[in-house]
Amino acid sequence: MEFGKLKEKNFPKDFTWGVATSAYQTEGALEKRWQRLVDLGCIYQP
């Protein structure tokens, strides 16, 4: 069995893109939440 065919069968073509997009969205949400806490004075940012 060829590895390329196995990989194609197990993962959708946009699998990597979907994971990367989800990670990017999560990171963006964390940055927004962190900035909100800084704005509220809960976290001191030097």
N, C-alpha and C. Protein backbone atom coordinates (compact mmCIF):
# COMPACT_ATOMS: atom_id res chain seq x y z
N MET A 1 0.85 -1.19 0.00
CA MET A 1 0.00 0.00 0.00
C MET A 1 0.89 1.25 0.00
N GLU A 2 0.55 2.18 -0.85
CA GLU A 2 1.34 3.40 -0.94
C GLU A 2 0.92 4.37 0.17
N PHE A 3 1.92 5.04 0.73
CA PHE A 3 1.65 5.97 1.82
C PHE A 3 0.76 7.13 1.36
N GLY A 4 1.01 7.63 0.16
CA GLY A 4 0.21 8.75 -0.37
C GLY A 4 -1.26 8.41 -0.44
N LYS A 5 -1.58 7.21 -0.92
CA LYS A 5 -2.99 6.80 -1.03
C LYS A 5 -3.60 6.62 0.36
N LEU A 6 -2.83 6.08 1.29
CA LEU A 6 -3.32 5.88 2.65
C LEU A 6 -3.63 7.23 3.30
N LYS A 7 -2.71 8.17 3.13
CA LYS A 7 -2.90 9.50 3.71
C LYS A 7 -4.14 10.18 3.13
N GLU A 8 -4.29 10.07 1.81
CA GLU A 8 -5.43 10.69 1.14
C GLU A 8 -6.75 10.07 1.61
N LYS A 9 -6.71 8.78 1.88
CA LYS A 9 -7.91 8.07 2.29
C LYS A 9 -8.32 8.45 3.72
N ASN A 10 -7.34 8.64 4.59
CA ASN A 10 -7.63 8.90 6.00
C ASN A 10 -7.92 10.36 6.32
N PHE A 11 -7.35 11.27 5.56
CA PHE A 11 -7.51 12.68 5.86
C PHE A 11 -8.12 13.43 4.68
N PRO A 12 -9.04 14.32 4.93
CA PRO A 12 -9.54 15.16 3.85
C PRO A 12 -8.41 16.06 3.34
N LYS A 13 -8.56 16.54 2.12
CA LYS A 13 -7.51 17.37 1.53
C LYS A 13 -7.30 18.66 2.31
N ASP A 14 -8.35 19.19 2.92
CA ASP A 14 -8.22 20.46 3.65
C ASP A 14 -8.01 20.24 5.15
N PHE A 15 -7.60 19.03 5.54
CA PHE A 15 -7.44 18.70 6.96
C PHE A 15 -6.44 19.64 7.64
N THR A 16 -5.24 19.76 7.05
CA THR A 16 -4.20 20.60 7.64
C THR A 16 -4.66 22.06 7.71
N TRP A 17 -5.29 22.52 6.66
CA TRP A 17 -5.77 23.90 6.62
C TRP A 17 -6.80 24.14 7.72
N GLY A 18 -7.68 23.18 7.92
CA GLY A 18 -8.71 23.32 8.96
C GLY A 18 -8.11 23.39 10.35
N VAL A 19 -7.11 22.57 10.61
CA VAL A 19 -6.45 22.58 11.91
C VAL A 19 -5.72 23.90 12.12
N ALA A 20 -5.03 24.36 11.08
CA ALA A 20 -4.29 25.62 11.17
C ALA A 20 -5.25 26.78 11.42
N THR A 21 -6.39 26.77 10.74
CA THR A 21 -7.37 27.84 10.90
C THR A 21 -7.93 27.83 12.32
N SER A 22 -8.23 26.66 12.85
CA SER A 22 -8.77 26.55 14.21
C SER A 22 -7.76 27.06 15.23
N ALA A 23 -6.50 26.69 15.05
CA ALA A 23 -5.45 27.13 15.97
C ALA A 23 -5.30 28.64 15.92
N TYR A 24 -5.37 29.20 14.72
CA TYR A 24 -5.24 30.65 14.55
C TYR A 24 -6.40 31.37 15.25
N GLN A 25 -7.61 30.85 15.09
CA GLN A 25 -8.78 31.46 15.71
C GLN A 25 -8.69 31.39 17.23
N THR A 26 -8.22 30.27 17.75
CA THR A 26 -8.07 30.11 19.19
C THR A 26 -7.06 31.09 19.73
N GLU A 27 -5.94 31.22 19.03
CA GLU A 27 -4.89 32.15 19.46
C GLU A 27 -5.42 33.58 19.45
N GLY A 28 -6.16 33.93 18.42
CA GLY A 28 -6.73 35.27 18.33
C GLY A 28 -7.70 35.55 19.47
N ALA A 29 -8.51 34.57 19.83
CA ALA A 29 -9.47 34.72 20.92
C ALA A 29 -8.75 34.91 22.25
N LEU A 30 -7.67 34.17 22.46
CA LEU A 30 -6.90 34.30 23.70
C LEU A 30 -6.27 35.69 23.80
N GLU A 31 -5.76 36.19 22.67
CA GLU A 31 -5.16 37.53 22.67
C GLU A 31 -6.20 38.59 23.00
N LYS A 32 -7.41 38.44 22.45
CA LYS A 32 -8.48 39.41 22.74
C LYS A 32 -8.87 39.35 24.21
N ARG A 33 -8.96 38.15 24.77
CA ARG A 33 -9.33 38.00 26.17
C ARG A 33 -8.26 38.60 27.06
N TRP A 34 -6.99 38.33 26.74
CA TRP A 34 -5.87 38.88 27.51
C TRP A 34 -5.93 40.41 27.49
N GLN A 35 -6.14 40.99 26.31
CA GLN A 35 -6.20 42.45 26.18
C GLN A 35 -7.36 43.01 26.98
N ARG A 36 -8.47 42.31 27.01
CA ARG A 36 -9.64 42.75 27.79
C ARG A 36 -9.31 42.79 29.28
N LEU A 37 -8.60 41.77 29.77
CA LEU A 37 -8.21 41.74 31.18
C LEU A 37 -7.23 42.87 31.50
N VAL A 38 -6.33 43.16 30.57
CA VAL A 38 -5.39 44.27 30.75
C VAL A 38 -6.17 45.59 30.82
N ASP A 39 -7.13 45.76 29.91
CA ASP A 39 -7.93 46.98 29.87
C ASP A 39 -8.73 47.17 31.16
N LEU A 40 -9.20 46.07 31.74
CA LEU A 40 -9.98 46.15 32.97
C LEU A 40 -9.11 46.36 34.20
N GLY A 41 -7.79 46.23 34.04
CA GLY A 41 -6.87 46.42 35.16
C GLY A 41 -6.64 45.14 35.95
N CYS A 42 -7.11 44.01 35.44
CA CYS A 42 -6.92 42.73 36.14
C CYS A 42 -5.48 42.23 36.00
N ILE A 43 -4.85 42.60 34.90
CA ILE A 43 -3.49 42.14 34.62
C ILE A 43 -2.64 43.37 34.33
N TYR A 44 -1.50 43.45 34.98
CA TYR A 44 -0.58 44.55 34.70
C TYR A 44 0.39 44.10 33.63
N GLN A 45 0.44 44.85 32.55
CA GLN A 45 1.33 44.51 31.45
C GLN A 45 2.46 45.54 31.41
N PRO A 46 3.69 45.13 31.72
CA PRO A 46 4.83 46.06 31.77
C PRO A 46 5.14 46.67 30.41
